[in-house]
N, C-alpha and C. Protein backbone atom coordinates (compact mmCIF):
# COMPACT_ATOMS: atom_id res chain seq x y z
N MET A 1 -31.37 -0.64 4.91
CA MET A 1 -30.82 -0.74 5.58
C MET A 1 -29.86 0.34 5.94
N PHE A 2 -29.67 0.23 6.79
CA PHE A 2 -28.41 1.58 7.58
C PHE A 2 -27.67 0.97 9.36
N GLU A 3 -26.59 1.05 9.28
CA GLU A 3 -25.92 0.99 10.36
C GLU A 3 -25.48 2.73 10.65
N ALA A 4 -25.08 2.93 11.68
CA ALA A 4 -24.33 4.42 12.17
C ALA A 4 -23.83 3.88 14.03
N SER A 5 -23.05 4.72 13.51
CA SER A 5 -21.91 4.58 15.10
C SER A 5 -21.51 6.36 15.36
N GLU A 6 -22.07 6.43 17.05
CA GLU A 6 -21.84 7.56 16.97
C GLU A 6 -21.21 8.20 18.51
N ASP A 7 -20.45 8.65 18.41
CA ASP A 7 -19.22 9.52 19.65
C ASP A 7 -20.01 9.57 20.92
N VAL A 8 -20.11 9.89 22.20
CA VAL A 8 -20.90 10.28 22.99
C VAL A 8 -21.17 11.07 23.24
N ASP A 9 -21.20 11.92 22.73
CA ASP A 9 -21.34 13.55 21.49
C ASP A 9 -22.80 13.57 21.29
N GLY A 10 -22.88 12.44 20.44
CA GLY A 10 -23.84 12.31 19.18
C GLY A 10 -23.09 12.52 18.19
N LEU A 11 -22.03 13.25 17.79
CA LEU A 11 -21.40 12.89 16.67
C LEU A 11 -20.98 11.63 15.98
N LEU A 12 -21.78 11.80 14.63
CA LEU A 12 -22.42 10.86 13.16
C LEU A 12 -20.16 10.83 13.37
N LEU A 13 -20.08 9.16 13.78
CA LEU A 13 -18.54 8.69 13.60
C LEU A 13 -18.43 8.10 11.73
N ALA A 14 -19.75 7.65 11.33
CA ALA A 14 -19.16 6.12 10.36
C ALA A 14 -20.82 5.62 10.36
N MET A 15 -21.27 5.43 8.35
CA MET A 15 -22.99 4.71 8.71
C MET A 15 -21.92 3.84 7.28
N ILE A 16 -23.08 3.51 6.94
CA ILE A 16 -23.46 2.33 6.10
C ILE A 16 -24.54 3.16 5.60
N HIS A 17 -24.79 2.46 4.06
CA HIS A 17 -26.47 2.52 3.77
C HIS A 17 -26.55 1.89 2.56
N GLY A 18 -27.76 1.41 2.54
CA GLY A 18 -27.81 -0.45 1.43
C GLY A 18 -29.21 -0.27 0.85
N THR A 19 -29.42 -1.07 0.06
CA THR A 19 -30.84 -1.69 0.03
C THR A 19 -30.94 -2.92 -0.60
N ARG A 20 -32.08 -3.02 -0.79
CA ARG A 20 -32.25 -4.89 -1.17
C ARG A 20 -32.65 -4.70 -2.59
N THR A 21 -32.45 -5.81 -4.42
CA THR A 21 -32.27 -5.40 -5.39
C THR A 21 -32.76 -5.85 -5.35
N SER A 22 -33.41 -6.28 -6.85
CA SER A 22 -33.88 -7.68 -7.57
C SER A 22 -32.27 -8.13 -9.14
N SER A 23 -31.32 -7.16 -9.03
CA SER A 23 -30.51 -6.80 -9.73
C SER A 23 -29.25 -8.11 -8.77
N THR A 24 -28.27 -8.14 -10.03
CA THR A 24 -27.87 -8.36 -9.19
C THR A 24 -26.13 -7.95 -8.84
N TYR A 25 -26.02 -6.07 -9.58
CA TYR A 25 -25.73 -5.78 -8.75
C TYR A 25 -25.94 -4.60 -9.05
N ALA A 26 -25.07 -3.28 -7.73
CA ALA A 26 -25.52 -1.99 -7.97
C ALA A 26 -25.51 -1.07 -8.71
N SER A 27 -26.25 -0.11 -8.62
CA SER A 27 -26.33 0.56 -9.78
C SER A 27 -26.93 2.07 -9.80
N ASN A 28 -27.00 2.61 -10.35
CA ASN A 28 -27.78 4.07 -9.58
C ASN A 28 -29.10 3.98 -9.85
N GLU A 29 -29.92 2.87 -10.70
CA GLU A 29 -31.31 2.62 -10.22
C GLU A 29 -31.77 2.11 -8.84
N SER A 30 -31.13 1.09 -8.48
CA SER A 30 -31.52 0.42 -6.73
C SER A 30 -30.97 1.34 -6.41
N MET A 31 -29.17 2.34 -6.19
CA MET A 31 -30.00 3.85 -5.54
C MET A 31 -30.39 4.46 -5.09
N SER A 32 -31.65 4.86 -6.06
CA SER A 32 -32.63 5.75 -6.25
C SER A 32 -33.54 5.63 -4.93
N ILE A 33 -34.38 6.97 -4.68
CA ILE A 33 -35.41 7.23 -3.34
C ILE A 33 -36.74 6.33 -4.03
N GLY A 34 -36.72 5.04 -3.53
CA GLY A 34 -37.44 4.45 -3.56
C GLY A 34 -37.64 2.82 -4.29
N SER A 35 -36.49 2.78 -4.29
CA SER A 35 -35.65 1.39 -5.61
C SER A 35 -36.41 0.47 -4.51
N HIS A 36 -36.11 0.76 -3.24
CA HIS A 36 -35.49 -0.37 -2.11
C HIS A 36 -37.17 -1.75 -2.33
N GLU A 37 -36.46 -3.11 -3.23
CA GLU A 37 -37.45 -4.24 -3.50
C GLU A 37 -37.05 -4.82 -2.19
N THR A 38 -38.00 -5.39 -1.44
CA THR A 38 -38.04 -6.00 0.00
C THR A 38 -37.63 -7.42 -0.38
N ASP A 39 -38.21 -7.66 -0.75
CA ASP A 39 -37.58 -9.25 -1.13
C ASP A 39 -36.95 -9.41 -2.14
N GLY A 40 -35.71 -8.47 -2.91
CA GLY A 40 -34.64 -9.09 -3.67
C GLY A 40 -33.72 -9.67 -2.49
N PRO A 41 -32.53 -10.71 -3.72
CA PRO A 41 -31.53 -11.67 -3.43
C PRO A 41 -30.14 -10.51 -3.07
N THR A 42 -30.63 -9.83 -3.93
CA THR A 42 -28.85 -8.31 -3.58
C THR A 42 -28.88 -6.95 -2.49
N VAL A 43 -28.08 -7.21 -1.63
CA VAL A 43 -27.92 -5.64 -0.73
C VAL A 43 -26.35 -5.79 -1.81
N ALA A 44 -27.69 -3.86 -2.15
CA ALA A 44 -26.60 -2.90 -2.42
C ALA A 44 -26.30 -1.25 -2.10
N ILE A 45 -25.19 -2.09 -1.27
CA ILE A 45 -24.37 -1.16 -0.71
C ILE A 45 -24.28 0.66 -0.96
N HIS A 46 -24.39 1.32 -0.63
CA HIS A 46 -24.80 2.57 -0.98
C HIS A 46 -23.44 3.20 -0.84
N THR A 47 -23.57 3.44 0.75
CA THR A 47 -22.51 4.30 0.79
C THR A 47 -21.90 4.03 2.29
N LEU A 48 -20.28 3.68 2.50
CA LEU A 48 -19.62 3.69 3.84
C LEU A 48 -19.33 5.01 3.90
N CYS A 49 -19.13 5.35 5.13
CA CYS A 49 -18.52 6.82 5.36
C CYS A 49 -18.25 7.15 6.88
N VAL A 50 -17.27 7.21 7.05
CA VAL A 50 -16.48 7.02 8.23
C VAL A 50 -15.63 8.96 8.31
N HIS A 51 -16.09 9.45 9.88
CA HIS A 51 -15.81 10.71 9.58
C HIS A 51 -14.10 10.59 10.41
N PRO A 52 -13.49 11.91 8.75
CA PRO A 52 -11.74 12.47 8.10
C PRO A 52 -11.17 11.79 9.79
N GLY A 53 -11.89 12.18 10.94
CA GLY A 53 -11.08 12.96 12.48
C GLY A 53 -10.57 11.27 12.65
N TRP A 54 -11.71 10.16 12.17
CA TRP A 54 -11.69 8.57 12.69
C TRP A 54 -11.46 7.45 11.99
N ARG A 55 -11.07 8.47 10.88
CA ARG A 55 -10.42 7.22 9.07
C ARG A 55 -9.09 6.39 10.10
N ALA A 56 -8.64 5.14 8.94
CA ALA A 56 -7.96 4.85 9.78
C ALA A 56 -7.68 3.89 11.39
N LYS A 57 -8.64 3.83 11.87
CA LYS A 57 -8.97 3.66 13.61
C LYS A 57 -9.78 2.30 13.33
N GLY A 58 -9.95 1.47 12.33
CA GLY A 58 -10.76 -0.13 12.14
C GLY A 58 -12.35 0.38 12.54
N LEU A 59 -12.75 1.88 12.51
CA LEU A 59 -14.35 2.13 12.35
C LEU A 59 -15.13 1.36 10.87
N GLY A 60 -14.26 2.03 9.99
CA GLY A 60 -14.98 1.13 8.59
C GLY A 60 -15.05 -0.43 8.33
N THR A 61 -14.08 -0.79 9.20
CA THR A 61 -14.13 -2.44 8.65
C THR A 61 -14.94 -3.18 10.52
N THR A 62 -15.22 -2.18 11.28
CA THR A 62 -16.36 -2.68 12.69
C THR A 62 -17.57 -2.95 12.12
N ILE A 63 -17.70 -1.71 11.35
CA ILE A 63 -19.30 -1.34 10.78
C ILE A 63 -19.41 -1.96 9.28
N LEU A 64 -18.67 -2.53 8.70
CA LEU A 64 -18.29 -3.65 7.40
C LEU A 64 -18.78 -4.91 7.80
N LYS A 65 -17.92 -5.36 8.85
CA LYS A 65 -18.14 -6.04 9.04
C LYS A 65 -19.54 -7.17 10.18
N GLU A 66 -19.88 -5.93 10.58
CA GLU A 66 -21.40 -6.62 11.29
C GLU A 66 -22.56 -5.90 10.51
N PHE A 67 -22.24 -5.04 9.26
CA PHE A 67 -23.31 -5.07 7.98
C PHE A 67 -23.44 -6.56 7.52
N ILE A 68 -21.83 -6.95 7.00
CA ILE A 68 -22.23 -8.25 6.68
C ILE A 68 -22.82 -9.53 6.76
N ARG A 69 -22.90 -9.58 8.35
CA ARG A 69 -23.88 -9.92 9.90
C ARG A 69 -24.42 -10.34 9.62
N ARG A 70 -25.10 -8.96 9.68
CA ARG A 70 -26.81 -8.64 9.83
C ARG A 70 -27.52 -8.97 8.35
N VAL A 71 -26.69 -9.10 7.19
CA VAL A 71 -26.88 -8.92 6.07
C VAL A 71 -27.23 -10.44 5.82
N GLN A 72 -26.47 -11.20 6.18
CA GLN A 72 -25.85 -13.03 5.98
C GLN A 72 -27.66 -13.55 7.01
N ALA A 73 -27.97 -12.67 7.86
CA ALA A 73 -29.11 -13.27 8.72
C ALA A 73 -30.40 -13.14 8.49
N GLU A 74 -29.99 -12.05 6.59
CA GLU A 74 -31.12 -11.93 6.34
C GLU A 74 -31.86 -12.50 5.44
N ASN A 75 -33.36 -13.46 5.77
CA ASN A 75 -33.56 -14.00 4.92
C ASN A 75 -33.83 -14.41 3.41
N GLY A 76 -33.23 -14.83 1.80
CA GLY A 76 -33.62 -14.38 1.50
C GLY A 76 -32.44 -14.06 0.28
N VAL A 77 -31.50 -13.01 1.28
CA VAL A 77 -30.54 -12.22 0.71
C VAL A 77 -28.93 -13.44 0.11
N GLN A 78 -28.84 -13.27 -0.67
CA GLN A 78 -27.85 -14.14 -2.36
C GLN A 78 -26.03 -13.77 -2.00
N ARG A 79 -26.50 -12.23 -2.60
CA ARG A 79 -25.36 -12.15 -2.43
C ARG A 79 -24.96 -9.92 -1.61
N ILE A 80 -23.83 -9.22 -1.93
CA ILE A 80 -23.58 -8.34 -1.50
C ILE A 80 -23.26 -7.72 -2.54
N ALA A 81 -23.90 -6.52 -2.79
CA ALA A 81 -22.48 -5.44 -4.66
C ALA A 81 -22.39 -4.34 -3.85
N LEU A 82 -21.76 -3.64 -4.30
CA LEU A 82 -20.90 -2.36 -3.85
C LEU A 82 -20.42 -1.75 -5.43
N VAL A 83 -20.81 -0.40 -5.39
CA VAL A 83 -19.75 -0.38 -6.20
C VAL A 83 -18.52 1.21 -5.09
N ALA A 84 -17.49 0.95 -5.74
CA ALA A 84 -16.60 1.14 -4.74
C ALA A 84 -15.36 1.79 -6.36
N HIS A 85 -14.83 3.63 -5.17
CA HIS A 85 -13.56 4.09 -5.42
C HIS A 85 -12.13 3.10 -5.88
N ASP A 86 -12.06 3.27 -7.58
CA ASP A 86 -10.90 2.52 -7.50
C ASP A 86 -9.84 2.35 -6.35
N LYS A 87 -9.54 3.96 -5.68
CA LYS A 87 -8.19 3.51 -4.42
C LYS A 87 -9.09 3.25 -2.92
N LEU A 88 -10.64 2.82 -3.05
CA LEU A 88 -10.72 1.95 -1.70
C LEU A 88 -11.25 0.43 -2.11
N VAL A 89 -10.89 0.21 -3.56
CA VAL A 89 -11.32 -1.84 -3.89
C VAL A 89 -10.07 -2.19 -2.60
N PRO A 90 -8.57 -2.06 -2.99
CA PRO A 90 -7.81 -2.68 -1.67
C PRO A 90 -9.24 -2.75 -0.13
N PHE A 91 -9.56 -2.30 0.33
CA PHE A 91 -10.14 -2.00 1.59
C PHE A 91 -11.22 -2.67 1.72
N TYR A 92 -11.86 -2.59 0.63
CA TYR A 92 -12.80 -4.16 0.13
C TYR A 92 -12.49 -5.42 -0.05
N GLU A 93 -11.28 -5.41 -0.55
CA GLU A 93 -11.52 -7.13 -0.85
C GLU A 93 -10.75 -7.63 0.11
N ARG A 94 -11.39 -7.01 1.37
CA ARG A 94 -10.42 -7.82 2.77
C ARG A 94 -11.71 -8.41 2.66
N TYR A 95 -12.40 -8.34 2.28
CA TYR A 95 -13.95 -8.89 3.03
C TYR A 95 -14.91 -9.64 1.83
N PHE A 96 -14.18 -9.61 1.01
CA PHE A 96 -15.04 -9.97 -0.21
C PHE A 96 -14.59 -11.30 -0.49
N LYS A 97 -14.91 -12.64 -1.24
CA LYS A 97 -14.60 -13.63 -1.95
C LYS A 97 -12.87 -13.52 -2.59
N LYS A 98 -14.31 -12.65 -3.83
CA LYS A 98 -14.31 -12.59 -5.03
C LYS A 98 -13.34 -11.42 -5.36
N PRO A 99 -12.15 -11.37 -5.91
CA PRO A 99 -11.22 -10.33 -6.91
C PRO A 99 -12.10 -9.36 -7.02
N LEU A 100 -11.68 -7.72 -7.13
CA LEU A 100 -13.18 -7.30 -6.99
C LEU A 100 -12.94 -6.48 -8.84
N SER A 101 -14.10 -6.05 -9.41
CA SER A 101 -13.33 -5.02 -11.16
C SER A 101 -13.44 -3.67 -9.91
N GLN A 102 -13.16 -2.69 -11.41
CA GLN A 102 -13.28 -1.37 -10.39
C GLN A 102 -14.57 -0.63 -10.41
N LEU A 103 -16.23 -1.63 -10.71
CA LEU A 103 -17.18 -0.44 -10.77
C LEU A 103 -18.06 -1.42 -9.50
N THR A 104 -18.04 -2.52 -10.19
CA THR A 104 -19.40 -3.56 -9.29
C THR A 104 -18.90 -4.72 -8.46
N VAL A 105 -19.07 -4.80 -7.16
CA VAL A 105 -18.14 -5.86 -6.49
C VAL A 105 -19.44 -6.99 -5.98
N GLY A 106 -19.46 -8.26 -5.91
CA GLY A 106 -20.30 -8.71 -5.26
C GLY A 106 -20.23 -10.29 -4.15
N LEU A 107 -20.24 -10.68 -3.66
CA LEU A 107 -20.28 -11.64 -2.46
C LEU A 107 -20.96 -12.23 -2.18
N ASP A 108 -21.02 -13.31 -2.94
CA ASP A 108 -22.30 -14.53 -3.33
C ASP A 108 -22.10 -15.11 -1.38
N LEU A 109 -23.20 -14.94 -1.08
CA LEU A 109 -23.16 -15.45 0.38
C LEU A 109 -23.76 -17.40 0.60
């Protein structure tokens, strides 16, 4: 599962990458190459990146909201999980119903 946003010149401005897993949380294993489980009930977000020149302009919010909307439409997905740096926890807390731990968070759909 992958979303990207480019400017008119093709510069990558933002991207979000995730995979489905049978685990209830995001882990190194769920992020490894070849680990995608087509029917996994969890979507593990591995990466959300925004170009430094485009940060604090709403692009991360836009791409995360769209990713969540698309994940909610996927058959069999029960939750979204991610690993977040401490300084980014407040950003993610705006979009998840439960308080976040500093390592793994989950959003039951």
